[in-house]
Amino acid sequence: MSTLHHHRLRDFVGALANLLDQHPDEAEILQHGSQLLGDLISHDDWLDATLAQPDPARYQQYLLHADAQQRFSVVSFVWGPGQTTPVHDHRVWGLIGMLRGAELSQNYRRDDQGLHPQGEPIRLEPGQVEVVSPQVGDIHRVSNAFSDRTSISIHVYGANIGAVQRAVYLADGSEKPFISGYNNAFLPNIWDLSHD
């Protein structure tokens, strides 16, 4: 088995923490954070296999890192063939970077008549980064672009996303609150320097 380069995730976490230490506005976070995430996902040699396992029943959300000050979290989303989310929001800023495979994201808008698709679906390919936030658009449905293979994206959120109360949306625009949690029973030790 080849050596995993855990330092890539560690370097990303450190660089994002340094960025947030400067107290930038959200536009700066999305711009510079996208560049940092793009650097991370330009290499596919750092994600532990246990945090890249699909489940036949539903997509998996594995926590990779949670900032001690709750300023951000890093998560791997693992999509089995054909899996999709309900229409949902985040309520914090977010960055979505494609590591393996591809995913489709359909944005939605909500008005008095209900929920409506907004624009064409966006296809995210490896190395590409998409942003979400209440400021720039925060309601979407995401799915694996493939019906025959796993896809993996790396998500970064401006909070511990597994603990944030958010909502899924029904066709009439009504909300159903949820808290996602995480699927993993352990956290990777990105601080162990002996394996780099």
N, C-alpha and C. Protein backbone atom coordinates (compact mmCIF):
# COMPACT_ATOMS: atom_id res chain seq x y z
N MET A 1 0.85 -1.20 0.00
CA MET A 1 0.00 0.00 0.00
C MET A 1 0.88 1.24 0.00
N SER A 2 0.55 2.21 -0.81
CA SER A 2 1.35 3.43 -0.87
C SER A 2 1.11 4.30 0.36
N THR A 3 2.09 5.12 0.68
CA THR A 3 2.01 5.99 1.83
C THR A 3 1.01 7.11 1.57
N LEU A 4 0.17 7.38 2.57
CA LEU A 4 -0.76 8.50 2.46
C LEU A 4 -0.05 9.77 2.91
N HIS A 5 -0.29 10.83 2.20
CA HIS A 5 0.36 12.10 2.50
C HIS A 5 -0.57 12.95 3.38
N HIS A 6 -0.64 12.55 4.67
CA HIS A 6 -1.51 13.26 5.60
C HIS A 6 -1.15 14.73 5.75
N HIS A 7 0.09 15.07 5.45
CA HIS A 7 0.51 16.47 5.60
C HIS A 7 -0.32 17.40 4.71
N ARG A 8 -0.88 16.89 3.63
CA ARG A 8 -1.66 17.76 2.75
C ARG A 8 -2.90 18.29 3.49
N LEU A 9 -3.62 17.40 4.19
CA LEU A 9 -4.78 17.84 4.96
C LEU A 9 -4.33 18.72 6.12
N ARG A 10 -3.26 18.35 6.78
CA ARG A 10 -2.75 19.15 7.90
C ARG A 10 -2.37 20.56 7.43
N ASP A 11 -1.69 20.64 6.29
CA ASP A 11 -1.30 21.95 5.75
C ASP A 11 -2.52 22.78 5.39
N PHE A 12 -3.55 22.13 4.81
CA PHE A 12 -4.78 22.84 4.47
C PHE A 12 -5.44 23.40 5.72
N VAL A 13 -5.58 22.57 6.75
CA VAL A 13 -6.20 23.00 8.01
C VAL A 13 -5.45 24.17 8.61
N GLY A 14 -4.13 24.10 8.61
CA GLY A 14 -3.33 25.20 9.15
C GLY A 14 -3.48 26.48 8.36
N ALA A 15 -3.48 26.36 7.03
CA ALA A 15 -3.61 27.55 6.19
C ALA A 15 -4.98 28.18 6.33
N LEU A 16 -6.04 27.37 6.43
CA LEU A 16 -7.38 27.93 6.59
C LEU A 16 -7.53 28.58 7.96
N ALA A 17 -6.97 27.96 8.98
CA ALA A 17 -7.00 28.57 10.32
C ALA A 17 -6.27 29.91 10.32
N ASN A 18 -5.13 29.97 9.64
CA ASN A 18 -4.39 31.24 9.55
C ASN A 18 -5.21 32.30 8.83
N LEU A 19 -5.91 31.89 7.76
CA LEU A 19 -6.77 32.83 7.05
C LEU A 19 -7.86 33.37 7.97
N LEU A 20 -8.51 32.49 8.71
CA LEU A 20 -9.60 32.92 9.60
C LEU A 20 -9.09 33.77 10.76
N ASP A 21 -7.84 33.55 11.15
CA ASP A 21 -7.24 34.39 12.21
C ASP A 21 -7.18 35.86 11.82
N GLN A 22 -7.22 36.13 10.51
CA GLN A 22 -7.15 37.52 10.02
C GLN A 22 -8.52 38.20 10.04
N HIS A 23 -9.57 37.46 10.41
CA HIS A 23 -10.95 37.96 10.47
C HIS A 23 -11.40 38.57 9.13
N PRO A 24 -11.21 37.80 8.04
CA PRO A 24 -11.65 38.31 6.73
C PRO A 24 -13.16 38.30 6.62
N ASP A 25 -13.69 39.06 5.64
CA ASP A 25 -15.13 38.97 5.40
C ASP A 25 -15.42 37.69 4.61
N GLU A 26 -16.70 37.39 4.46
CA GLU A 26 -17.06 36.12 3.85
C GLU A 26 -16.56 36.00 2.41
N ALA A 27 -16.60 37.08 1.65
CA ALA A 27 -16.14 37.03 0.26
C ALA A 27 -14.67 36.61 0.20
N GLU A 28 -13.86 37.14 1.12
CA GLU A 28 -12.44 36.76 1.16
C GLU A 28 -12.27 35.30 1.56
N ILE A 29 -13.08 34.85 2.52
CA ILE A 29 -13.01 33.44 2.93
C ILE A 29 -13.33 32.53 1.75
N LEU A 30 -14.39 32.85 1.02
CA LEU A 30 -14.79 32.01 -0.10
C LEU A 30 -13.73 32.03 -1.21
N GLN A 31 -13.16 33.20 -1.46
CA GLN A 31 -12.16 33.30 -2.53
C GLN A 31 -10.87 32.57 -2.15
N HIS A 32 -10.29 32.95 -1.00
CA HIS A 32 -9.00 32.36 -0.61
C HIS A 32 -9.16 30.92 -0.15
N GLY A 33 -10.28 30.63 0.52
CA GLY A 33 -10.54 29.26 0.93
C GLY A 33 -10.69 28.34 -0.27
N SER A 34 -11.32 28.82 -1.34
CA SER A 34 -11.45 28.02 -2.56
C SER A 34 -10.09 27.68 -3.16
N GLN A 35 -9.17 28.64 -3.12
CA GLN A 35 -7.83 28.39 -3.63
C GLN A 35 -7.11 27.33 -2.79
N LEU A 36 -7.25 27.44 -1.46
CA LEU A 36 -6.62 26.46 -0.57
C LEU A 36 -7.21 25.07 -0.79
N LEU A 37 -8.54 24.99 -0.89
CA LEU A 37 -9.18 23.70 -1.11
C LEU A 37 -8.80 23.15 -2.48
N GLY A 38 -8.72 24.02 -3.48
CA GLY A 38 -8.29 23.57 -4.81
C GLY A 38 -6.91 22.95 -4.77
N ASP A 39 -6.00 23.52 -3.98
CA ASP A 39 -4.66 22.94 -3.83
C ASP A 39 -4.76 21.55 -3.19
N LEU A 40 -5.58 21.41 -2.16
CA LEU A 40 -5.72 20.13 -1.46
C LEU A 40 -6.24 19.05 -2.41
N ILE A 41 -7.30 19.35 -3.14
CA ILE A 41 -7.94 18.31 -3.98
C ILE A 41 -7.21 18.09 -5.31
N SER A 42 -6.17 18.87 -5.56
CA SER A 42 -5.38 18.62 -6.77
C SER A 42 -4.52 17.37 -6.60
N HIS A 43 -4.47 16.82 -5.39
CA HIS A 43 -3.74 15.58 -5.09
C HIS A 43 -4.75 14.59 -4.51
N ASP A 44 -4.71 13.37 -4.99
CA ASP A 44 -5.59 12.33 -4.45
C ASP A 44 -4.73 11.22 -3.83
N ASP A 45 -3.97 11.62 -2.81
CA ASP A 45 -3.06 10.65 -2.17
C ASP A 45 -3.02 10.85 -0.65
N TRP A 46 -4.09 11.43 -0.09
CA TRP A 46 -4.04 11.77 1.33
C TRP A 46 -5.25 11.29 2.13
N LEU A 47 -6.34 10.90 1.49
CA LEU A 47 -7.56 10.54 2.20
C LEU A 47 -7.51 9.07 2.60
N ASP A 48 -7.63 8.82 3.91
CA ASP A 48 -7.62 7.46 4.44
C ASP A 48 -8.78 6.66 3.85
N ALA A 49 -8.51 5.41 3.48
CA ALA A 49 -9.53 4.57 2.83
C ALA A 49 -10.75 4.36 3.72
N THR A 50 -10.59 4.36 5.03
CA THR A 50 -11.73 4.17 5.92
C THR A 50 -12.67 5.36 5.90
N LEU A 51 -12.19 6.50 5.42
CA LEU A 51 -13.00 7.71 5.33
C LEU A 51 -13.44 7.98 3.89
N ALA A 52 -13.37 6.93 3.07
CA ALA A 52 -13.76 7.02 1.67
C ALA A 52 -14.67 5.85 1.29
N GLN A 53 -15.29 5.22 2.30
CA GLN A 53 -16.12 4.04 2.07
C GLN A 53 -17.57 4.42 1.79
N PRO A 54 -18.11 3.98 0.67
CA PRO A 54 -19.53 4.22 0.42
C PRO A 54 -20.39 3.27 1.23
N ASP A 55 -21.66 3.59 1.34
CA ASP A 55 -22.64 2.72 1.98
C ASP A 55 -23.75 2.52 0.95
N PRO A 56 -24.25 1.29 0.79
CA PRO A 56 -25.27 1.08 -0.23
C PRO A 56 -26.58 1.79 0.04
N ALA A 57 -26.83 2.14 1.31
CA ALA A 57 -28.12 2.74 1.66
C ALA A 57 -28.18 4.24 1.43
N ARG A 58 -27.06 4.95 1.75
CA ARG A 58 -27.10 6.41 1.63
C ARG A 58 -25.69 6.97 1.59
N TYR A 59 -25.58 8.21 1.12
CA TYR A 59 -24.27 8.86 1.09
C TYR A 59 -23.72 8.98 2.51
N GLN A 60 -22.40 9.04 2.61
CA GLN A 60 -21.73 9.10 3.91
C GLN A 60 -21.05 10.44 4.10
N GLN A 61 -21.07 10.94 5.34
CA GLN A 61 -20.45 12.21 5.70
C GLN A 61 -19.45 11.93 6.82
N TYR A 62 -18.16 11.91 6.45
CA TYR A 62 -17.10 11.59 7.41
C TYR A 62 -16.37 12.87 7.85
N LEU A 63 -16.31 13.10 9.14
CA LEU A 63 -15.58 14.25 9.66
C LEU A 63 -14.09 14.00 9.55
N LEU A 64 -13.37 14.93 8.92
CA LEU A 64 -11.91 14.84 8.81
C LEU A 64 -11.22 15.75 9.81
N HIS A 65 -11.84 16.90 10.09
CA HIS A 65 -11.27 17.84 11.07
C HIS A 65 -12.36 18.80 11.54
N ALA A 66 -12.36 19.07 12.84
CA ALA A 66 -13.23 20.11 13.40
C ALA A 66 -12.33 21.10 14.14
N ASP A 67 -12.40 22.34 13.76
CA ASP A 67 -11.62 23.39 14.40
C ASP A 67 -12.00 23.49 15.87
N ALA A 68 -11.00 23.62 16.73
CA ALA A 68 -11.25 23.67 18.17
C ALA A 68 -12.13 24.85 18.56
N GLN A 69 -12.10 25.92 17.77
CA GLN A 69 -12.92 27.10 18.06
C GLN A 69 -14.26 27.08 17.32
N GLN A 70 -14.56 25.95 16.67
CA GLN A 70 -15.82 25.76 15.94
C GLN A 70 -15.97 26.73 14.76
N ARG A 71 -14.83 27.21 14.24
CA ARG A 71 -14.89 28.14 13.10
C ARG A 71 -15.09 27.43 11.78
N PHE A 72 -14.66 26.17 11.69
CA PHE A 72 -14.82 25.43 10.44
C PHE A 72 -14.71 23.93 10.70
N SER A 73 -15.18 23.17 9.73
CA SER A 73 -15.03 21.72 9.75
C SER A 73 -14.72 21.26 8.33
N VAL A 74 -14.04 20.12 8.23
CA VAL A 74 -13.67 19.53 6.95
C VAL A 74 -14.25 18.12 6.92
N VAL A 75 -14.96 17.81 5.85
CA VAL A 75 -15.74 16.57 5.77
C VAL A 75 -15.52 15.93 4.40
N SER A 76 -15.42 14.59 4.38
CA SER A 76 -15.47 13.89 3.08
C SER A 76 -16.89 13.37 2.89
N PHE A 77 -17.46 13.69 1.72
CA PHE A 77 -18.75 13.16 1.33
C PHE A 77 -18.50 12.03 0.34
N VAL A 78 -19.00 10.85 0.66
CA VAL A 78 -18.78 9.69 -0.18
C VAL A 78 -20.13 9.25 -0.75
N TRP A 79 -20.20 9.30 -2.06
CA TRP A 79 -21.44 9.03 -2.78
C TRP A 79 -21.37 7.66 -3.42
N GLY A 80 -22.26 6.75 -3.03
CA GLY A 80 -22.40 5.50 -3.75
C GLY A 80 -23.04 5.77 -5.09
N PRO A 81 -23.03 4.78 -6.00
CA PRO A 81 -23.62 4.97 -7.32
C PRO A 81 -25.06 5.48 -7.24
N GLY A 82 -25.33 6.58 -7.94
CA GLY A 82 -26.68 7.11 -8.06
C GLY A 82 -27.26 7.76 -6.81
N GLN A 83 -26.48 7.90 -5.75
CA GLN A 83 -27.04 8.47 -4.52
C GLN A 83 -27.21 9.98 -4.63
N THR A 84 -28.19 10.50 -3.88
CA THR A 84 -28.52 11.93 -3.94
C THR A 84 -28.98 12.41 -2.57
N THR A 85 -28.86 13.70 -2.34
CA THR A 85 -29.37 14.30 -1.11
C THR A 85 -30.80 14.79 -1.36
N PRO A 86 -31.54 15.04 -0.29
CA PRO A 86 -32.76 15.84 -0.47
C PRO A 86 -32.35 17.29 -0.74
N VAL A 87 -33.30 18.13 -1.12
CA VAL A 87 -33.02 19.57 -1.22
C VAL A 87 -32.79 20.07 0.20
N HIS A 88 -31.69 20.78 0.40
CA HIS A 88 -31.30 21.18 1.76
C HIS A 88 -30.52 22.48 1.74
N ASP A 89 -30.30 23.04 2.93
CA ASP A 89 -29.46 24.23 3.07
C ASP A 89 -28.32 23.94 4.03
N HIS A 90 -27.49 24.97 4.30
CA HIS A 90 -26.31 24.83 5.17
C HIS A 90 -26.31 25.86 6.30
N ARG A 91 -26.76 27.07 5.99
CA ARG A 91 -26.86 28.19 6.94
C ARG A 91 -25.53 28.75 7.39
N VAL A 92 -24.45 28.31 6.78
CA VAL A 92 -23.10 28.85 6.97
C VAL A 92 -22.41 28.82 5.62
N TRP A 93 -21.27 29.50 5.49
CA TRP A 93 -20.53 29.43 4.23
C TRP A 93 -19.97 28.01 4.05
N GLY A 94 -19.79 27.64 2.80
CA GLY A 94 -19.25 26.32 2.51
C GLY A 94 -18.47 26.29 1.22
N LEU A 95 -17.51 25.37 1.16
CA LEU A 95 -16.69 25.12 -0.03
C LEU A 95 -16.81 23.64 -0.35
N ILE A 96 -17.03 23.30 -1.61
CA ILE A 96 -17.18 21.92 -2.03
C ILE A 96 -16.14 21.66 -3.11
N GLY A 97 -15.23 20.75 -2.84
CA GLY A 97 -14.17 20.43 -3.79
C GLY A 97 -14.27 18.98 -4.23
N MET A 98 -14.21 18.73 -5.52
CA MET A 98 -14.35 17.37 -6.04
C MET A 98 -13.00 16.67 -6.04
N LEU A 99 -12.96 15.52 -5.35
CA LEU A 99 -11.72 14.75 -5.28
C LEU A 99 -11.71 13.59 -6.28
N ARG A 100 -12.79 12.81 -6.31
CA ARG A 100 -12.89 11.65 -7.21
C ARG A 100 -14.29 11.59 -7.81
N GLY A 101 -14.37 11.12 -9.04
CA GLY A 101 -15.67 11.00 -9.68
C GLY A 101 -16.21 12.36 -10.09
N ALA A 102 -17.51 12.55 -9.92
CA ALA A 102 -18.14 13.83 -10.25
C ALA A 102 -19.49 13.89 -9.54
N GLU A 103 -19.96 15.10 -9.30
CA GLU A 103 -21.29 15.25 -8.71
C GLU A 103 -22.04 16.37 -9.42
N LEU A 104 -23.35 16.31 -9.30
CA LEU A 104 -24.24 17.31 -9.87
C LEU A 104 -24.90 18.07 -8.75
N SER A 105 -24.95 19.39 -8.87
CA SER A 105 -25.59 20.23 -7.88
C SER A 105 -26.65 21.09 -8.57
N GLN A 106 -27.89 20.94 -8.12
CA GLN A 106 -29.00 21.74 -8.63
C GLN A 106 -29.39 22.76 -7.58
N ASN A 107 -29.22 24.03 -7.89
CA ASN A 107 -29.63 25.09 -6.97
C ASN A 107 -31.14 25.29 -7.03
N TYR A 108 -31.69 25.78 -5.91
CA TYR A 108 -33.12 26.06 -5.81
C TYR A 108 -33.33 27.44 -5.20
N ARG A 109 -34.48 28.01 -5.52
CA ARG A 109 -34.93 29.22 -4.84
C ARG A 109 -36.30 28.93 -4.26
N ARG A 110 -36.64 29.65 -3.22
CA ARG A 110 -37.92 29.45 -2.55
C ARG A 110 -38.69 30.74 -2.57
N ASP A 111 -40.00 30.64 -2.90
CA ASP A 111 -40.87 31.81 -2.85
C ASP A 111 -42.24 31.38 -2.32
N ASP A 112 -43.22 32.26 -2.43
CA ASP A 112 -44.55 31.96 -1.89
C ASP A 112 -45.22 30.78 -2.60
N GLN A 113 -44.78 30.47 -3.81
CA GLN A 113 -45.38 29.37 -4.56
C GLN A 113 -44.65 28.04 -4.33
N GLY A 114 -43.58 28.06 -3.57
CA GLY A 114 -42.87 26.82 -3.28
C GLY A 114 -41.40 26.87 -3.67
N LEU A 115 -40.88 25.71 -4.03
CA LEU A 115 -39.46 25.53 -4.33
C LEU A 115 -39.29 25.37 -5.84
N HIS A 116 -38.29 26.07 -6.42
CA HIS A 116 -38.10 26.05 -7.86
C HIS A 116 -36.62 25.87 -8.21
N PRO A 117 -36.30 25.00 -9.18
CA PRO A 117 -34.92 24.92 -9.63
C PRO A 117 -34.44 26.28 -10.14
N GLN A 118 -33.20 26.59 -9.87
CA GLN A 118 -32.62 27.86 -10.30
C GLN A 118 -31.41 27.57 -11.17
N GLY A 119 -31.52 27.86 -12.44
CA GLY A 119 -30.42 27.60 -13.37
C GLY A 119 -30.29 26.13 -13.70
N GLU A 120 -29.28 25.84 -14.48
CA GLU A 120 -28.98 24.46 -14.87
C GLU A 120 -28.16 23.78 -13.78
N PRO A 121 -28.22 22.45 -13.69
CA PRO A 121 -27.36 21.74 -12.73
C PRO A 121 -25.88 22.04 -13.01
N ILE A 122 -25.10 22.12 -11.96
CA ILE A 122 -23.66 22.35 -12.07
C ILE A 122 -22.97 21.02 -11.90
N ARG A 123 -22.10 20.68 -12.84
CA ARG A 123 -21.33 19.42 -12.74
C ARG A 123 -19.95 19.76 -12.20
N LEU A 124 -19.59 19.12 -11.10
CA LEU A 124 -18.29 19.34 -10.46
C LEU A 124 -17.39 18.16 -10.79
N GLU A 125 -16.25 18.47 -11.41
CA GLU A 125 -15.26 17.47 -11.79
C GLU A 125 -14.06 17.55 -10.86
N PRO A 126 -13.23 16.50 -10.80
CA PRO A 126 -12.06 16.53 -9.91
C PRO A 126 -11.23 17.80 -10.10
N GLY A 127 -10.88 18.40 -8.96
CA GLY A 127 -10.09 19.63 -8.97
C GLY A 127 -10.91 20.90 -8.94
N GLN A 128 -12.23 20.81 -9.17
CA GLN A 128 -13.08 21.99 -9.19
C GLN A 128 -13.69 22.24 -7.81
N VAL A 129 -13.94 23.53 -7.51
CA VAL A 129 -14.50 23.95 -6.23
C VAL A 129 -15.75 24.79 -6.47
N GLU A 130 -16.79 24.53 -5.70
CA GLU A 130 -18.05 25.28 -5.73
C GLU A 130 -18.25 25.90 -4.35
N VAL A 131 -18.94 27.05 -4.27
CA VAL A 131 -19.19 27.69 -2.99
C VAL A 131 -20.69 27.77 -2.72
N VAL A 132 -21.03 27.76 -1.42
CA VAL A 132 -22.41 27.97 -0.98
C VAL A 132 -22.37 28.88 0.24
N SER A 133 -23.43 29.62 0.44
CA SER A 133 -23.63 30.38 1.67
C SER A 133 -24.99 31.07 1.58
N PRO A 134 -25.53 31.48 2.70
CA PRO A 134 -26.78 32.24 2.65
C PRO A 134 -26.66 33.51 1.81
N GLN A 135 -25.44 34.01 1.62
CA GLN A 135 -25.24 35.24 0.85
C GLN A 135 -25.23 35.01 -0.66
N VAL A 136 -24.74 33.86 -1.10
CA VAL A 136 -24.56 33.64 -2.54
C VAL A 136 -25.45 32.53 -3.09
N GLY A 137 -26.19 31.86 -2.24
CA GLY A 137 -27.05 30.75 -2.66
C GLY A 137 -26.79 29.54 -1.78
N ASP A 138 -27.84 29.09 -1.10
CA ASP A 138 -27.60 28.10 -0.04
C ASP A 138 -28.53 26.90 -0.09
N ILE A 139 -29.43 26.84 -1.06
CA ILE A 139 -30.37 25.72 -1.13
C ILE A 139 -30.07 24.93 -2.40
N HIS A 140 -29.76 23.64 -2.23
CA HIS A 140 -29.48 22.82 -3.41
C HIS A 140 -29.73 21.34 -3.12
N ARG A 141 -29.70 20.56 -4.19
CA ARG A 141 -29.72 19.10 -4.13
C ARG A 141 -28.46 18.62 -4.84
N VAL A 142 -27.75 17.68 -4.22
CA VAL A 142 -26.50 17.18 -4.78
C VAL A 142 -26.63 15.69 -5.02
N SER A 143 -26.03 15.22 -6.11
CA SER A 143 -26.07 13.79 -6.41
C SER A 143 -24.79 13.34 -7.08
N ASN A 144 -24.51 12.05 -6.93
CA ASN A 144 -23.42 11.43 -7.66
C ASN A 144 -23.76 11.50 -9.15
N ALA A 145 -22.82 11.97 -9.94
CA ALA A 145 -23.06 12.07 -11.38
C ALA A 145 -23.02 10.70 -12.06
N PHE A 146 -22.57 9.68 -11.32
CA PHE A 146 -22.41 8.35 -11.91
C PHE A 146 -23.36 7.34 -11.27
N SER A 147 -23.87 6.44 -12.08
CA SER A 147 -24.76 5.38 -11.59
C SER A 147 -24.01 4.08 -11.37
N ASP A 148 -22.70 4.08 -11.65
CA ASP A 148 -21.94 2.82 -11.59
C ASP A 148 -20.65 2.92 -10.79
N ARG A 149 -20.42 4.05 -10.11
CA ARG A 149 -19.17 4.17 -9.33
C ARG A 149 -19.32 5.18 -8.22
N THR A 150 -18.38 5.12 -7.30
CA THR A 150 -18.34 6.03 -6.15
C THR A 150 -17.75 7.37 -6.55
N SER A 151 -18.25 8.44 -5.97
CA SER A 151 -17.66 9.76 -6.11
C SER A 151 -17.38 10.31 -4.71
N ILE A 152 -16.34 11.12 -4.58
CA ILE A 152 -15.97 11.68 -3.28
C ILE A 152 -15.69 13.17 -3.44
N SER A 153 -16.33 13.98 -2.60
CA SER A 153 -16.06 15.41 -2.55
C SER A 153 -15.64 15.79 -1.14
N ILE A 154 -14.84 16.84 -1.05
CA ILE A 154 -14.37 17.35 0.24
C ILE A 154 -15.09 18.66 0.50
N HIS A 155 -15.78 18.73 1.63
CA HIS A 155 -16.58 19.90 1.98
C HIS A 155 -15.96 20.60 3.18
N VAL A 156 -15.95 21.91 3.12
CA VAL A 156 -15.45 22.73 4.23
C VAL A 156 -16.56 23.71 4.58
N TYR A 157 -16.91 23.79 5.84
CA TYR A 157 -18.01 24.64 6.28
C TYR A 157 -17.56 25.59 7.38
N GLY A 158 -18.23 26.74 7.47
CA GLY A 158 -17.89 27.75 8.45
C GLY A 158 -18.48 27.49 9.83
N ALA A 159 -18.50 26.24 10.24
CA ALA A 159 -18.99 25.81 11.55
C ALA A 159 -18.74 24.31 11.64
N ASN A 160 -19.04 23.73 12.80
CA ASN A 160 -19.02 22.27 12.93
C ASN A 160 -20.33 21.78 12.31
N ILE A 161 -20.32 21.49 11.02
CA ILE A 161 -21.56 21.30 10.27
C ILE A 161 -22.40 20.14 10.80
N GLY A 162 -21.78 19.16 11.40
CA GLY A 162 -22.52 18.03 11.94
C GLY A 162 -23.39 18.39 13.12
N ALA A 163 -23.18 19.60 13.68
CA ALA A 163 -23.96 20.05 14.84
C ALA A 163 -24.87 21.22 14.53
N VAL A 164 -24.88 21.69 13.28
CA VAL A 164 -25.68 22.86 12.89
C VAL A 164 -27.11 22.43 12.57
N GLN A 165 -28.09 23.12 13.15
CA GLN A 165 -29.48 22.84 12.76
C GLN A 165 -29.75 23.52 11.44
N ARG A 166 -30.13 22.71 10.45
CA ARG A 166 -30.42 23.21 9.11
C ARG A 166 -31.77 22.67 8.69
N ALA A 167 -32.04 22.67 7.38
CA ALA A 167 -33.35 22.21 6.92
C ALA A 167 -33.25 21.49 5.59
N VAL A 168 -34.14 20.51 5.43
CA VAL A 168 -34.45 19.98 4.11
C VAL A 168 -35.76 20.64 3.70
N TYR A 169 -36.00 20.72 2.38
CA TYR A 169 -37.15 21.45 1.86
C TYR A 169 -38.05 20.53 1.06
N LEU A 170 -39.34 20.66 1.28
CA LEU A 170 -40.33 19.94 0.51
C LEU A 170 -40.72 20.76 -0.71
N ALA A 171 -41.43 20.15 -1.65
CA ALA A 171 -41.77 20.83 -2.92
C ALA A 171 -42.57 22.10 -2.71
N ASP A 172 -43.35 22.17 -1.62
CA ASP A 172 -44.14 23.37 -1.36
C ASP A 172 -43.33 24.47 -0.69
N GLY A 173 -42.02 24.22 -0.47
CA GLY A 173 -41.15 25.20 0.15
C GLY A 173 -41.08 25.11 1.65
N SER A 174 -41.85 24.22 2.25
CA SER A 174 -41.82 24.09 3.71
C SER A 174 -40.52 23.42 4.15
N GLU A 175 -40.10 23.71 5.39
CA GLU A 175 -38.84 23.23 5.93
C GLU A 175 -39.06 22.08 6.90
N LYS A 176 -38.10 21.17 6.90
CA LYS A 176 -38.05 20.11 7.90
C LYS A 176 -36.68 20.19 8.56
N PRO A 177 -36.59 20.61 9.84
CA PRO A 177 -35.28 20.78 10.48
C PRO A 177 -34.53 19.45 10.62
N PHE A 178 -33.20 19.53 10.52
CA PHE A 178 -32.37 18.35 10.78
C PHE A 178 -30.98 18.78 11.23
N ILE A 179 -30.30 17.86 11.89
CA ILE A 179 -28.88 18.00 12.26
C ILE A 179 -28.21 16.75 11.72
N SER A 180 -27.21 16.92 10.87
CA SER A 180 -26.69 15.79 10.10
C SER A 180 -25.83 14.81 10.90
N GLY A 181 -25.03 15.31 11.85
CA GLY A 181 -24.07 14.43 12.50
C GLY A 181 -23.02 13.94 11.50
N TYR A 182 -22.30 12.87 11.89
CA TYR A 182 -21.26 12.30 11.04
C TYR A 182 -21.38 10.78 11.05
N ASN A 183 -20.78 10.14 10.06
CA ASN A 183 -20.86 8.69 9.95
C ASN A 183 -19.65 7.95 10.53
N ASN A 184 -18.56 8.65 10.80
CA ASN A 184 -17.38 7.93 11.27
C ASN A 184 -17.32 7.81 12.79
N ALA A 185 -16.70 6.72 13.23
CA ALA A 185 -16.55 6.46 14.67
C ALA A 185 -15.21 6.96 15.19
N PHE A 186 -14.29 7.35 14.30
CA PHE A 186 -13.00 7.87 14.74
C PHE A 186 -12.59 9.02 13.83
N LEU A 187 -11.66 9.82 14.34
CA LEU A 187 -11.10 10.93 13.55
C LEU A 187 -9.70 10.55 13.10
N PRO A 188 -9.31 10.92 11.89
CA PRO A 188 -7.93 10.69 11.48
C PRO A 188 -6.98 11.56 12.28
N ASN A 189 -5.81 11.03 12.60
CA ASN A 189 -4.81 11.82 13.32
C ASN A 189 -3.91 12.50 12.29
N ILE A 190 -4.31 13.69 11.88
CA ILE A 190 -3.53 14.41 10.86
C ILE A 190 -2.27 15.03 11.45
N TRP A 191 -2.13 14.96 12.77
CA TRP A 191 -0.99 15.58 13.44
C TRP A 191 0.15 14.59 13.65
N ASP A 192 -0.04 13.31 13.32
CA ASP A 192 1.00 12.30 13.46
C ASP A 192 2.01 12.48 12.35
N LEU A 193 3.20 12.96 12.70
CA LEU A 193 4.22 13.27 11.70
C LEU A 193 5.02 12.04 11.27
N SER A 194 4.83 10.90 11.95
CA SER A 194 5.67 9.73 11.66
C SER A 194 5.31 9.07 10.34
N HIS A 195 4.17 9.37 9.76
CA HIS A 195 3.75 8.70 8.53
C HIS A 195 3.91 9.57 7.30
N ASP A 196 4.49 10.74 7.42
CA ASP A 196 4.63 11.63 6.26
C ASP A 196 5.93 11.37 5.53
